[in-house]
Amino acid sequence: MMNRGALSRVLSGCLFAAILAMAPGPDRTAAAQSAQSAQPPAGPSVADIRAMAADARKEIDGYKTAGGAPDAADHPAIKWSAALWQVRDRAPNRETIALATLEAIRMLNRAELWDRTQARVASLDADDPAWERVPTALYEGAIARKSFDDTIATLSRTAASTKSPSNKAAALIIVGRIHRRLGDLPAATRSISEARAAAPGTPQAEEADGLIYEIEHLSVGLRAPAISGKPRNARRAITLDSFRGKPILLVFWAST
């Protein structure tokens, strides 16, 4: 059965709206005052959406483990996606709109309900703030299906028609990632460079910078960049060049 905890918190505002709509004449004022005193902060938070997504994943995975039919009308992915889409419609800012939309599409991907995913994506205007995150969900679905042509076409159309620099950059970055995954590095570089130029000074541009560096310096078959460092038990630094011609394993790690 669906876990209602996170869902009831973020949808409770709808109940108050219904109360106000039904309250006649003078009683409307009293209902409004009561609702105002009890109503939670407007719109769902990022934490609310993440909690819903976590509950959804558990139920969907449990359904699949129990042998639930993948094409059943009552598949939990369908109801959770619908719930998240309803949350999206009440989201108070770009971040929560984008996150709720991303998770709604991910639920359908998780259940391999590709037609429903396509319908959800097709309903989004190219300038919808959700496009800052939706390309990631499309990429994940394309990897799962091992089919990328439709995703490239959808993202290319969005990039060409949107007036939002961040939407255009987000779409083109994923197009570039797909080309890179398919081994077409020149096409990947072109798409990612276009993304960087579309939205300078944004997180998308920063991501594009990192991807271009990886393509130009860290792709398979390229000579490794110069690396040097001082081991804990050595008096002097060592360089990667000093090991040239010998098998070597580099392990990168960090802690906070």
Protein backbone atom coordinates (compact mmCIF):
# COMPACT_ATOMS: atom_id res chain seq x y z
CA MET A 1 0.00 0.00 0.00
CA MET A 2 1.28 3.51 -0.83
CA ASN A 3 3.10 5.27 2.00
CA ARG A 4 1.03 8.43 2.48
CA GLY A 5 3.39 10.29 4.83
CA ALA A 6 5.35 12.44 2.42
CA LEU A 7 2.47 12.64 -0.04
CA SER A 8 -0.03 13.97 2.51
CA ARG A 9 2.36 16.73 3.60
CA VAL A 10 2.92 18.15 0.16
CA LEU A 11 -0.66 17.77 -1.06
CA SER A 12 -2.39 19.06 2.06
CA GLY A 13 -2.73 22.50 0.53
CA CYS A 14 -5.17 21.03 -1.99
CA LEU A 15 -7.52 20.07 0.85
CA PHE A 16 -7.60 23.63 2.17
CA ALA A 17 -8.32 24.92 -1.31
CA ALA A 18 -11.29 22.55 -1.53
CA ILE A 19 -12.60 23.70 1.86
CA LEU A 20 -12.48 27.33 0.79
CA ALA A 21 -14.16 26.58 -2.52
CA MET A 22 -17.09 24.78 -0.82
CA ALA A 23 -17.58 27.23 2.06
CA PRO A 24 -20.74 29.37 1.37
CA GLY A 25 -21.22 33.07 2.16
CA PRO A 26 -20.17 34.19 5.66
CA ASP A 27 -18.74 30.79 6.50
CA ARG A 28 -16.09 31.32 3.84
CA THR A 29 -14.27 33.83 6.02
CA ALA A 30 -14.18 31.47 8.98
CA ALA A 31 -12.99 28.66 6.75
CA ALA A 32 -10.28 30.88 5.31
CA GLN A 33 -9.06 31.89 8.76
CA SER A 34 -9.02 28.28 9.91
CA ALA A 35 -7.16 27.14 6.82
CA GLN A 36 -4.65 29.97 7.08
CA SER A 37 -3.82 29.06 10.66
CA ALA A 38 -3.39 25.37 9.89
CA GLN A 39 -1.91 25.46 6.40
CA PRO A 40 1.77 24.47 6.09
CA PRO A 41 4.29 26.64 4.21
CA ALA A 42 3.24 27.16 0.60
CA GLY A 43 4.35 24.43 -1.73
CA PRO A 44 6.49 21.33 -1.26
CA SER A 45 10.15 21.49 -0.30
CA VAL A 46 13.08 19.67 -1.84
CA ALA A 47 13.11 17.39 1.21
CA ASP A 48 9.41 16.56 0.72
CA ILE A 49 9.98 15.59 -2.90
CA ARG A 50 13.02 13.47 -2.08
CA ALA A 51 11.06 11.69 0.65
CA MET A 52 8.27 10.93 -1.81
CA ALA A 53 10.77 9.64 -4.36
CA ALA A 54 12.37 7.36 -1.76
CA ASP A 55 8.97 5.92 -0.80
CA ALA A 56 8.11 5.47 -4.45
CA ARG A 57 11.29 3.57 -5.24
CA LYS A 58 10.70 1.19 -2.34
CA GLU A 59 7.15 0.42 -3.39
CA ILE A 60 8.02 0.01 -7.08
CA ASP A 61 10.94 -2.30 -6.27
CA GLY A 62 8.74 -4.30 -3.90
CA TYR A 63 6.09 -4.63 -6.59
CA LYS A 64 8.65 -5.90 -9.11
CA THR A 65 10.17 -8.33 -6.59
CA ALA A 66 6.72 -9.73 -5.85
CA GLY A 67 6.22 -10.44 -9.55
CA GLY A 68 3.76 -7.65 -10.28
CA ALA A 69 2.71 -7.33 -13.91
CA PRO A 70 4.80 -4.67 -15.67
CA ASP A 71 1.84 -3.43 -17.73
CA ALA A 72 -0.79 -3.44 -14.97
CA ALA A 73 -3.06 -0.40 -14.76
CA ASP A 74 -2.46 -0.23 -11.00
CA HIS A 75 1.33 -0.32 -11.26
CA PRO A 76 2.67 1.78 -8.35
CA ALA A 77 4.96 3.69 -10.72
CA ILE A 78 1.88 5.16 -12.40
CA LYS A 79 0.28 6.44 -9.22
CA TRP A 80 3.56 7.75 -7.82
CA SER A 81 4.38 9.52 -11.06
CA ALA A 82 0.92 11.10 -11.03
CA ALA A 83 1.38 12.16 -7.40
CA LEU A 84 4.74 13.72 -8.13
CA TRP A 85 3.29 15.50 -11.15
CA GLN A 86 0.59 16.96 -8.90
CA VAL A 87 3.33 18.11 -6.54
CA ARG A 88 5.14 19.67 -9.49
CA ASP A 89 2.05 21.76 -10.23
CA ARG A 90 2.20 23.20 -6.68
CA ALA A 91 5.97 23.60 -6.50
CA PRO A 92 6.96 27.14 -5.45
CA ASN A 93 10.18 27.62 -7.45
CA ARG A 94 12.28 26.38 -10.35
CA GLU A 95 14.28 23.96 -8.21
CA THR A 96 11.27 22.10 -6.82
CA ILE A 97 9.42 22.13 -10.15
CA ALA A 98 12.45 20.60 -11.85
CA LEU A 99 13.05 18.01 -9.12
CA ALA A 100 9.42 16.87 -8.93
CA THR A 101 9.29 16.51 -12.71
CA LEU A 102 12.57 14.60 -12.79
CA GLU A 103 11.39 12.13 -10.16
CA ALA A 104 7.97 11.72 -11.81
CA ILE A 105 9.67 10.68 -15.05
CA ARG A 106 12.19 8.51 -13.22
CA MET A 107 9.36 6.50 -11.66
CA LEU A 108 8.07 5.62 -15.14
CA ASN A 109 11.59 4.81 -16.32
CA ARG A 110 12.03 2.53 -13.32
CA ALA A 111 8.99 0.55 -14.42
CA GLU A 112 10.05 0.69 -18.10
CA LEU A 113 6.81 2.45 -19.01
CA TRP A 114 8.42 4.21 -21.96
CA ASP A 115 5.20 5.35 -23.67
CA ARG A 116 4.07 7.09 -20.51
CA THR A 117 7.49 8.70 -20.14
CA GLN A 118 7.25 10.01 -23.69
CA ALA A 119 3.79 11.42 -23.02
CA ARG A 120 4.97 13.22 -19.90
CA VAL A 121 7.93 14.74 -21.70
CA ALA A 122 5.81 15.76 -24.69
CA SER A 123 3.52 17.73 -22.36
CA LEU A 124 6.36 20.04 -21.29
CA ASP A 125 6.85 23.39 -22.98
CA ALA A 126 10.43 24.00 -24.10
CA ASP A 127 10.71 26.90 -21.63
CA ASP A 128 9.46 24.86 -18.67
CA PRO A 129 12.02 25.08 -15.83
CA ALA A 130 11.90 21.29 -15.53
CA TRP A 131 14.12 21.05 -18.62
CA GLU A 132 17.08 21.89 -16.41
CA ARG A 133 16.73 18.33 -15.03
CA VAL A 134 14.57 16.35 -17.43
CA PRO A 135 17.45 15.66 -19.89
CA THR A 136 19.12 13.56 -17.19
CA ALA A 137 16.03 11.35 -16.87
CA LEU A 138 15.87 10.97 -20.65
CA TYR A 139 19.52 9.97 -20.73
CA GLU A 140 18.96 7.35 -18.03
CA GLY A 141 16.01 5.95 -19.96
CA ALA A 142 17.97 5.86 -23.21
CA ILE A 143 20.77 3.92 -21.53
CA ALA A 144 18.29 1.43 -20.11
CA ARG A 145 16.68 0.93 -23.55
CA LYS A 146 20.04 1.03 -25.36
CA SER A 147 18.46 3.39 -27.87
CA PHE A 148 19.53 7.03 -28.19
CA ASP A 149 18.13 8.42 -31.45
CA ASP A 150 14.77 9.53 -30.03
CA THR A 151 16.45 11.15 -27.04
CA ILE A 152 18.89 13.08 -29.23
CA ALA A 153 15.98 14.26 -31.40
CA THR A 154 13.87 15.36 -28.41
CA LEU A 155 16.72 17.23 -26.74
CA SER A 156 17.84 18.84 -29.99
CA ARG A 157 14.31 20.15 -30.60
CA THR A 158 14.13 21.52 -27.09
CA ALA A 159 17.51 23.22 -27.39
CA ALA A 160 16.49 24.79 -30.70
CA SER A 161 13.12 26.11 -29.50
CA THR A 162 13.65 27.19 -25.89
CA LYS A 163 14.31 30.78 -24.92
CA SER A 164 15.89 29.69 -21.64
CA PRO A 165 19.72 29.60 -21.77
CA SER A 166 19.90 27.07 -18.93
CA ASN A 167 17.34 24.78 -20.59
CA LYS A 168 19.27 24.91 -23.86
CA ALA A 169 22.56 24.19 -22.12
CA ALA A 170 21.12 21.30 -20.09
CA ALA A 171 19.69 19.66 -23.22
CA LEU A 172 22.88 20.08 -25.25
CA ILE A 173 25.08 18.71 -22.48
CA ILE A 174 23.12 15.45 -22.53
CA VAL A 175 23.29 15.34 -26.33
CA GLY A 176 27.05 15.70 -25.94
CA ARG A 177 27.18 12.95 -23.32
CA ILE A 178 25.30 10.63 -25.66
CA HIS A 179 27.69 11.33 -28.54
CA ARG A 180 30.61 10.72 -26.20
CA ARG A 181 29.09 7.45 -25.05
CA LEU A 182 28.70 6.40 -28.66
CA GLY A 183 32.32 7.26 -29.40
CA ASP A 184 31.74 10.37 -31.55
CA LEU A 185 34.05 12.77 -29.69
CA PRO A 186 33.94 15.59 -32.29
CA ALA A 187 30.13 15.67 -32.13
CA ALA A 188 30.27 15.51 -28.33
CA THR A 189 32.67 18.45 -28.20
CA ARG A 190 30.50 20.52 -30.53
CA SER A 191 27.34 19.97 -28.51
CA ILE A 192 29.00 20.60 -25.16
CA SER A 193 30.81 23.70 -26.45
CA GLU A 194 27.48 25.05 -27.69
CA ALA A 195 26.00 24.37 -24.26
CA ARG A 196 28.81 26.32 -22.59
CA ALA A 197 28.31 29.26 -24.94
CA ALA A 198 24.53 29.25 -24.41
CA ALA A 199 24.63 29.84 -20.65
CA PRO A 200 27.95 31.37 -19.52
CA GLY A 201 28.50 31.63 -15.79
CA THR A 202 25.91 28.97 -14.93
CA PRO A 203 26.28 25.50 -13.38
CA GLN A 204 25.63 24.10 -16.84
CA ALA A 205 28.61 26.02 -18.24
CA GLU A 206 30.79 24.77 -15.42
CA GLU A 207 29.70 21.20 -16.15
CA ALA A 208 30.45 21.75 -19.84
CA ASP A 209 33.97 22.96 -18.99
CA GLY A 210 34.64 19.78 -17.05
CA LEU A 211 33.31 17.54 -19.80
CA ILE A 212 35.38 19.24 -22.48
CA TYR A 213 38.48 18.86 -20.35
CA GLU A 214 37.74 15.15 -19.91
CA ILE A 215 37.25 14.67 -23.65
CA GLU A 216 40.41 16.54 -24.57
CA HIS A 217 42.70 15.18 -21.86
CA LEU A 218 41.23 12.05 -20.26
CA SER A 219 39.72 10.07 -23.12
CA VAL A 220 40.80 6.46 -23.64
CA GLY A 221 43.97 6.29 -25.74
CA LEU A 222 45.28 9.73 -24.85
CA ARG A 223 48.52 10.23 -23.01
CA ALA A 224 47.86 10.73 -19.31
CA PRO A 225 48.32 14.27 -18.01
CA ALA A 226 51.37 15.09 -15.92
CA ILE A 227 50.81 14.06 -12.31
CA SER A 228 53.20 14.52 -9.43
CA GLY A 229 52.96 14.18 -5.69
CA LYS A 230 54.85 13.41 -2.55
CA PRO A 231 54.10 10.02 -0.96
CA ARG A 232 53.69 9.87 2.78
CA ASN A 233 56.81 7.76 3.29
CA ALA A 234 59.08 9.42 0.72
CA ARG A 235 61.35 12.42 0.94
CA ARG A 236 60.79 13.65 -2.57
CA ALA A 237 57.96 13.87 -5.04
CA ILE A 238 57.35 11.26 -7.67
CA THR A 239 55.95 11.85 -11.15
CA LEU A 240 53.78 9.75 -13.41
CA ASP A 241 56.44 10.05 -16.12
CA SER A 242 58.90 8.16 -13.94
CA PHE A 243 56.69 5.07 -14.30
CA ARG A 244 56.32 5.29 -18.06
CA GLY A 245 56.53 1.87 -19.68
CA LYS A 246 55.49 0.10 -16.48
CA PRO A 247 52.01 -1.08 -15.50
CA ILE A 248 50.53 1.33 -12.97
CA LEU A 249 47.18 1.68 -11.23
CA LEU A 250 46.07 5.15 -10.12
CA VAL A 251 43.42 5.40 -7.43
CA PHE A 252 41.92 8.83 -6.78
CA TRP A 253 40.09 9.45 -3.54
CA ALA A 254 39.04 12.36 -1.37
CA SER A 255 37.54 12.92 2.05
CA THR A 256 35.78 15.77 3.77
